[in-house]
């Protein structure tokens, strides 16, 4: 059974680009992307420290994942 990664991106197009590069890297070691928290073995929240609202959104997402 393949390992699955959940990647959620907050912020600008550069963050989207970075998230795609992260997935490209982990895909090489057998990870598949999932849009479902419950299916994931690994979680990645990609954001920028520059925007405070993005940090708050990530904090809320971490709480959701923690419940799983």
PDB file of N, CA and C in Angstrom:
ATOM      1  N   UNK A   1       0.842  -1.190   0.000  1.00  0.00           N
ATOM      2  CA  UNK A   1       0.000   0.000   0.000  1.00  0.00           C
ATOM      3  C   UNK A   1       0.882   1.247   0.000  1.00  0.00           C
ATOM      4  N   UNK A   2       0.589   2.174  -0.888  1.00  0.00           N
ATOM      5  CA  UNK A   2       1.389   3.389  -1.034  1.00  0.00           C
ATOM      6  C   UNK A   2       1.147   4.360   0.116  1.00  0.00           C
ATOM      7  N   UNK A   3       2.185   5.091   0.454  1.00  0.00           N
ATOM      8  CA  UNK A   3       2.066   6.182   1.416  1.00  0.00           C
ATOM      9  C   UNK A   3       1.357   7.339   0.709  1.00  0.00           C
ATOM     10  N   UNK A   4       0.565   8.101   1.477  1.00  0.00           N
ATOM     11  CA  UNK A   4      -0.163   9.213   0.875  1.00  0.00           C
ATOM     12  C   UNK A   4       0.169  10.504   1.603  1.00  0.00           C
ATOM     13  N   UNK A   5       0.243  11.580   0.828  1.00  0.00           N
ATOM     14  CA  UNK A   5       0.548  12.895   1.389  1.00  0.00           C
ATOM     15  C   UNK A   5      -0.607  13.847   1.080  1.00  0.00           C
ATOM     16  N   UNK A   6      -0.950  14.634   2.090  1.00  0.00           N
ATOM     17  CA  UNK A   6      -1.952  15.682   1.946  1.00  0.00           C
ATOM     18  C   UNK A   6      -1.185  17.005   1.959  1.00  0.00           C
ATOM     19  N   UNK A   7      -1.319  17.780   0.911  1.00  0.00           N
ATOM     20  CA  UNK A   7      -0.629  19.072   0.828  1.00  0.00           C
ATOM     21  C   UNK A   7      -1.679  20.160   0.698  1.00  0.00           C
ATOM     22  N   UNK A   8      -1.640  21.117   1.595  1.00  0.00           N
ATOM     23  CA  UNK A   8      -2.550  22.271   1.522  1.00  0.00           C
ATOM     24  C   UNK A   8      -1.690  23.528   1.440  1.00  0.00           C
ATOM     25  N   UNK A   9      -2.007  24.352   0.477  1.00  0.00           N
ATOM     26  CA  UNK A   9      -1.214  25.551   0.216  1.00  0.00           C
ATOM     27  C   UNK A   9      -2.005  26.797   0.564  1.00  0.00           C
ATOM     28  N   UNK A  10      -1.359  27.694   1.265  1.00  0.00           N
ATOM     29  CA  UNK A  10      -1.944  28.990   1.612  1.00  0.00           C
ATOM     30  C   UNK A  10      -1.051  30.061   0.994  1.00  0.00           C
ATOM     31  N   UNK A  11      -1.648  31.059   0.382  1.00  0.00           N
ATOM     32  CA  UNK A  11      -0.834  32.164  -0.102  1.00  0.00           C
ATOM     33  C   UNK A  11      -0.808  32.293  -1.607  1.00  0.00           C
ATOM     34  N   UNK A  12       0.324  32.705  -2.103  1.00  0.00           N
ATOM     35  CA  UNK A  12       0.464  33.149  -3.484  1.00  0.00           C
ATOM     36  C   UNK A  12       0.817  32.015  -4.449  1.00  0.00           C
ATOM     37  N   UNK A  13       0.985  32.383  -5.706  1.00  0.00           N
ATOM     38  CA  UNK A  13       1.340  31.416  -6.734  1.00  0.00           C
ATOM     39  C   UNK A  13       2.697  30.775  -6.466  1.00  0.00           C
ATOM     40  N   UNK A  14       3.593  31.497  -5.844  1.00  0.00           N
ATOM     41  CA  UNK A  14       4.905  30.932  -5.525  1.00  0.00           C
ATOM     42  C   UNK A  14       4.751  29.781  -4.525  1.00  0.00           C
ATOM     43  N   UNK A  15       3.826  29.931  -3.595  1.00  0.00           N
ATOM     44  CA  UNK A  15       3.559  28.853  -2.651  1.00  0.00           C
ATOM     45  C   UNK A  15       3.002  27.630  -3.385  1.00  0.00           C
ATOM     46  N   UNK A  16       2.142  27.840  -4.373  1.00  0.00           N
ATOM     47  CA  UNK A  16       1.610  26.741  -5.180  1.00  0.00           C
ATOM     48  C   UNK A  16       2.752  26.031  -5.903  1.00  0.00           C
ATOM     49  N   UNK A  17       3.643  26.807  -6.463  1.00  0.00           N
ATOM     50  CA  UNK A  17       4.799  26.241  -7.155  1.00  0.00           C
ATOM     51  C   UNK A  17       5.624  25.391  -6.185  1.00  0.00           C
ATOM     52  N   UNK A  18       5.875  25.930  -5.005  1.00  0.00           N
ATOM     53  CA  UNK A  18       6.654  25.198  -3.996  1.00  0.00           C
ATOM     54  C   UNK A  18       5.961  23.900  -3.584  1.00  0.00           C
ATOM     55  N   UNK A  19       4.651  23.941  -3.422  1.00  0.00           N
ATOM     56  CA  UNK A  19       3.904  22.732  -3.053  1.00  0.00           C
ATOM     57  C   UNK A  19       4.028  21.664  -4.134  1.00  0.00           C
ATOM     58  N   UNK A  20       3.989  22.090  -5.387  1.00  0.00           N
ATOM     59  CA  UNK A  20       4.164  21.134  -6.481  1.00  0.00           C
ATOM     60  C   UNK A  20       5.563  20.531  -6.474  1.00  0.00           C
ATOM     61  N   UNK A  21       6.560  21.316  -6.145  1.00  0.00           N
ATOM     62  CA  UNK A  21       7.937  20.797  -6.068  1.00  0.00           C
ATOM     63  C   UNK A  21       8.074  19.821  -4.890  1.00  0.00           C
ATOM     64  N   UNK A  22       7.393  20.108  -3.786  1.00  0.00           N
ATOM     65  CA  UNK A  22       7.408  19.191  -2.640  1.00  0.00           C
ATOM     66  C   UNK A  22       6.823  17.852  -3.071  1.00  0.00           C
ATOM     67  N   UNK A  23       5.681  17.899  -3.750  1.00  0.00           N
ATOM     68  CA  UNK A  23       5.073  16.650  -4.190  1.00  0.00           C
ATOM     69  C   UNK A  23       5.971  15.908  -5.177  1.00  0.00           C
ATOM     70  N   UNK A  24       6.584  16.634  -6.101  1.00  0.00           N
ATOM     71  CA  UNK A  24       7.493  15.991  -7.053  1.00  0.00           C
ATOM     72  C   UNK A  24       8.599  15.240  -6.321  1.00  0.00           C
ATOM     73  N   UNK A  25       9.071  15.804  -5.228  1.00  0.00           N
ATOM     74  CA  UNK A  25      10.148  15.162  -4.453  1.00  0.00           C
ATOM     75  C   UNK A  25       9.676  13.899  -3.752  1.00  0.00           C
ATOM     76  N   UNK A  26       8.533  13.956  -3.093  1.00  0.00           N
ATOM     77  CA  UNK A  26       8.068  12.785  -2.338  1.00  0.00           C
ATOM     78  C   UNK A  26       7.481  11.710  -3.241  1.00  0.00           C
ATOM     79  N   UNK A  27       7.042  12.111  -4.428  1.00  0.00           N
ATOM     80  CA  UNK A  27       6.527  11.136  -5.396  1.00  0.00           C
ATOM     81  C   UNK A  27       7.647  10.152  -5.776  1.00  0.00           C
ATOM     82  N   UNK A  28       8.863  10.638  -5.817  1.00  0.00           N
ATOM     83  CA  UNK A  28      10.014   9.803  -6.175  1.00  0.00           C
ATOM     84  C   UNK A  28      10.257   8.683  -5.166  1.00  0.00           C
ATOM     85  N   UNK A  29       9.785   8.868  -3.945  1.00  0.00           N
ATOM     86  CA  UNK A  29       9.981   7.829  -2.927  1.00  0.00           C
ATOM     87  C   UNK A  29       8.671   7.078  -2.632  1.00  0.00           C
ATOM     88  N   UNK A  30       7.710   7.222  -3.556  1.00  0.00           N
ATOM     89  CA  UNK A  30       6.524   6.390  -3.490  1.00  0.00           C
ATOM     90  C   UNK A  30       5.257   7.002  -2.923  1.00  0.00           C
ATOM     91  N   UNK A  31       5.255   8.287  -2.608  1.00  0.00           N
ATOM     92  CA  UNK A  31       4.040   8.916  -2.078  1.00  0.00           C
ATOM     93  C   UNK A  31       3.066   9.236  -3.206  1.00  0.00           C
ATOM     94  N   UNK A  32       1.787   9.117  -2.889  1.00  0.00           N
ATOM     95  CA  UNK A  32       0.710   9.556  -3.759  1.00  0.00           C
ATOM     96  C   UNK A  32       0.011  10.720  -3.078  1.00  0.00           C
ATOM     97  N   UNK A  33      -0.541  11.627  -3.885  1.00  0.00           N
ATOM     98  CA  UNK A  33      -1.247  12.783  -3.332  1.00  0.00           C
ATOM     99  C   UNK A  33      -2.688  12.397  -3.017  1.00  0.00           C
ATOM    100  N   UNK A  34      -3.213  12.917  -1.903  1.00  0.00           N
ATOM    101  CA  UNK A  34      -4.618  12.721  -1.552  1.00  0.00           C
ATOM    102  C   UNK A  34      -5.216  14.061  -1.135  1.00  0.00           C
ATOM    103  N   UNK A  35      -6.516  14.203  -1.370  1.00  0.00           N
ATOM    104  CA  UNK A  35      -7.245  15.399  -0.942  1.00  0.00           C
ATOM    105  C   UNK A  35      -8.040  15.134   0.325  1.00  0.00           C
ATOM    106  N   UNK A  36      -7.872  13.947   0.883  1.00  0.00           N
ATOM    107  CA  UNK A  36      -8.628  13.537   2.065  1.00  0.00           C
ATOM    108  C   UNK A  36      -7.682  13.408   3.258  1.00  0.00           C
ATOM    109  N   UNK A  37      -7.943  14.200   4.304  1.00  0.00           N
ATOM    110  CA  UNK A  37      -7.117  14.122   5.516  1.00  0.00           C
ATOM    111  C   UNK A  37      -6.979  12.694   6.036  1.00  0.00           C
ATOM    112  N   UNK A  38      -8.091  11.999   6.074  1.00  0.00           N
ATOM    113  CA  UNK A  38      -8.127  10.680   6.678  1.00  0.00           C
ATOM    114  C   UNK A  38      -7.281   9.639   5.967  1.00  0.00           C
ATOM    115  N   UNK A  39      -7.021   9.825   4.691  1.00  0.00           N
ATOM    116  CA  UNK A  39      -6.219   8.880   3.926  1.00  0.00           C
ATOM    117  C   UNK A  39      -4.721   9.125   4.041  1.00  0.00           C
ATOM    118  N   UNK A  40      -4.336  10.283   4.532  1.00  0.00           N
ATOM    119  CA  UNK A  40      -2.928  10.699   4.496  1.00  0.00           C
ATOM    120  C   UNK A  40      -2.086  10.067   5.604  1.00  0.00           C
ATOM    121  N   UNK A  41      -0.850   9.757   5.236  1.00  0.00           N
ATOM    122  CA  UNK A  41       0.171   9.339   6.188  1.00  0.00           C
ATOM    123  C   UNK A  41       1.078  10.514   6.544  1.00  0.00           C
ATOM    124  N   UNK A  42       1.031  11.545   5.713  1.00  0.00           N
ATOM    125  CA  UNK A  42       1.895  12.713   5.880  1.00  0.00           C
ATOM    126  C   UNK A  42       1.079  13.952   5.527  1.00  0.00           C
ATOM    127  N   UNK A  43       1.270  15.019   6.274  1.00  0.00           N
ATOM    128  CA  UNK A  43       0.557  16.271   6.045  1.00  0.00           C
ATOM    129  C   UNK A  43       1.573  17.377   5.840  1.00  0.00           C
ATOM    130  N   UNK A  44       1.314  18.238   4.845  1.00  0.00           N
ATOM    131  CA  UNK A  44       2.184  19.373   4.597  1.00  0.00           C
ATOM    132  C   UNK A  44       1.323  20.606   4.412  1.00  0.00           C
ATOM    133  N   UNK A  45       1.551  21.600   5.253  1.00  0.00           N
ATOM    134  CA  UNK A  45       0.880  22.887   5.114  1.00  0.00           C
ATOM    135  C   UNK A  45       1.926  23.886   4.668  1.00  0.00           C
ATOM    136  N   UNK A  46       1.769  24.403   3.494  1.00  0.00           N
ATOM    137  CA  UNK A  46       2.745  25.318   2.918  1.00  0.00           C
ATOM    138  C   UNK A  46       2.179  26.726   2.935  1.00  0.00           C
ATOM    139  N   UNK A  47       2.887  27.613   3.614  1.00  0.00           N
ATOM    140  CA  UNK A  47       2.417  28.987   3.727  1.00  0.00           C
ATOM    141  C   UNK A  47       3.596  29.941   3.800  1.00  0.00           C
ATOM    142  N   UNK A  48       3.292  31.193   3.883  1.00  0.00           N
ATOM    143  CA  UNK A  48       4.291  32.239   3.996  1.00  0.00           C
ATOM    144  C   UNK A  48       4.212  32.856   5.382  1.00  0.00           C
ATOM    145  N   UNK A  49       5.350  33.158   5.945  1.00  0.00           N
ATOM    146  CA  UNK A  49       5.367  33.817   7.258  1.00  0.00           C
ATOM    147  C   UNK A  49       4.975  35.280   7.159  1.00  0.00           C
ATOM    148  N   UNK A  50       4.943  35.792   5.960  1.00  0.00           N
ATOM    149  CA  UNK A  50       4.698  37.218   5.771  1.00  0.00           C
ATOM    150  C   UNK A  50       3.256  37.604   6.101  1.00  0.00           C
ATOM    151  N   UNK A  51       2.318  36.746   5.778  1.00  0.00           N
ATOM    152  CA  UNK A  51       0.905  37.068   5.991  1.00  0.00           C
ATOM    153  C   UNK A  51       0.381  36.420   7.266  1.00  0.00           C
ATOM    154  N   UNK A  52      -0.061  37.224   8.186  1.00  0.00           N
ATOM    155  CA  UNK A  52      -0.550  36.718   9.466  1.00  0.00           C
ATOM    156  C   UNK A  52      -1.795  35.847   9.291  1.00  0.00           C
ATOM    157  N   UNK A  53      -2.680  36.224   8.389  1.00  0.00           N
ATOM    158  CA  UNK A  53      -3.907  35.436   8.209  1.00  0.00           C
ATOM    159  C   UNK A  53      -3.590  34.028   7.723  1.00  0.00           C
ATOM    160  N   UNK A  54      -2.570  33.873   6.913  1.00  0.00           N
ATOM    161  CA  UNK A  54      -2.177  32.539   6.453  1.00  0.00           C
ATOM    162  C   UNK A  54      -1.717  31.694   7.632  1.00  0.00           C
ATOM    163  N   UNK A  55      -0.988  32.294   8.561  1.00  0.00           N
ATOM    164  CA  UNK A  55      -0.534  31.562   9.743  1.00  0.00           C
ATOM    165  C   UNK A  55      -1.736  31.105  10.565  1.00  0.00           C
ATOM    166  N   UNK A  56      -2.717  31.967  10.721  1.00  0.00           N
ATOM    167  CA  UNK A  56      -3.922  31.591  11.468  1.00  0.00           C
ATOM    168  C   UNK A  56      -4.651  30.438  10.783  1.00  0.00           C
ATOM    169  N   UNK A  57      -4.736  30.471   9.469  1.00  0.00           N
ATOM    170  CA  UNK A  57      -5.397  29.395   8.735  1.00  0.00           C
ATOM    171  C   UNK A  57      -4.672  28.071   8.955  1.00  0.00           C
ATOM    172  N   UNK A  58      -3.355  28.096   8.943  1.00  0.00           N
ATOM    173  CA  UNK A  58      -2.576  26.882   9.167  1.00  0.00           C
ATOM    174  C   UNK A  58      -2.820  26.357  10.572  1.00  0.00           C
ATOM    175  N   UNK A  59      -2.885  27.235  11.542  1.00  0.00           N
ATOM    176  CA  UNK A  59      -3.158  26.811  12.921  1.00  0.00           C
ATOM    177  C   UNK A  59      -4.501  26.088  13.009  1.00  0.00           C
ATOM    178  N   UNK A  60      -5.513  26.591  12.314  1.00  0.00           N
ATOM    179  CA  UNK A  60      -6.826  25.938  12.310  1.00  0.00           C
ATOM    180  C   UNK A  60      -6.756  24.574  11.619  1.00  0.00           C
ATOM    181  N   UNK A  61      -6.005  24.485  10.542  1.00  0.00           N
ATOM    182  CA  UNK A  61      -5.856  23.211   9.831  1.00  0.00           C
ATOM    183  C   UNK A  61      -5.145  22.180  10.706  1.00  0.00           C
ATOM    184  N   UNK A  62      -4.147  22.607  11.444  1.00  0.00           N
ATOM    185  CA  UNK A  62      -3.425  21.678  12.336  1.00  0.00           C
ATOM    186  C   UNK A  62      -4.367  21.088  13.368  1.00  0.00           C
ATOM    187  N   UNK A  63      -5.282  21.881  13.880  1.00  0.00           N
ATOM    188  CA  UNK A  63      -6.257  21.385  14.856  1.00  0.00           C
ATOM    189  C   UNK A  63      -7.130  20.307  14.212  1.00  0.00           C
ATOM    190  N   UNK A  64      -7.558  20.537  12.965  1.00  0.00           N
ATOM    191  CA  UNK A  64      -8.388  19.552  12.263  1.00  0.00           C
ATOM    192  C   UNK A  64      -7.648  18.240  12.087  1.00  0.00           C
ATOM    193  N   UNK A  65      -6.395  18.328  11.675  1.00  0.00           N
ATOM    194  CA  UNK A  65      -5.594  17.116  11.454  1.00  0.00           C
ATOM    195  C   UNK A  65      -5.330  16.390  12.747  1.00  0.00           C
ATOM    196  N   UNK A  66      -5.092  17.136  13.800  1.00  0.00           N
ATOM    197  CA  UNK A  66      -4.814  16.538  15.109  1.00  0.00           C
ATOM    198  C   UNK A  66      -5.975  15.663  15.564  1.00  0.00           C
ATOM    199  N   UNK A  67      -7.205  16.050  15.241  1.00  0.00           N
ATOM    200  CA  UNK A  67      -8.383  15.285  15.633  1.00  0.00           C
ATOM    201  C   UNK A  67      -8.431  13.924  14.941  1.00  0.00           C
ATOM    202  N   UNK A  68      -7.824  13.830  13.786  1.00  0.00           N
ATOM    203  CA  UNK A  68      -7.798  12.551  13.050  1.00  0.00           C
ATOM    204  C   UNK A  68      -6.814  11.634  13.710  1.00  0.00           C
TER     205      UNK A  68
END
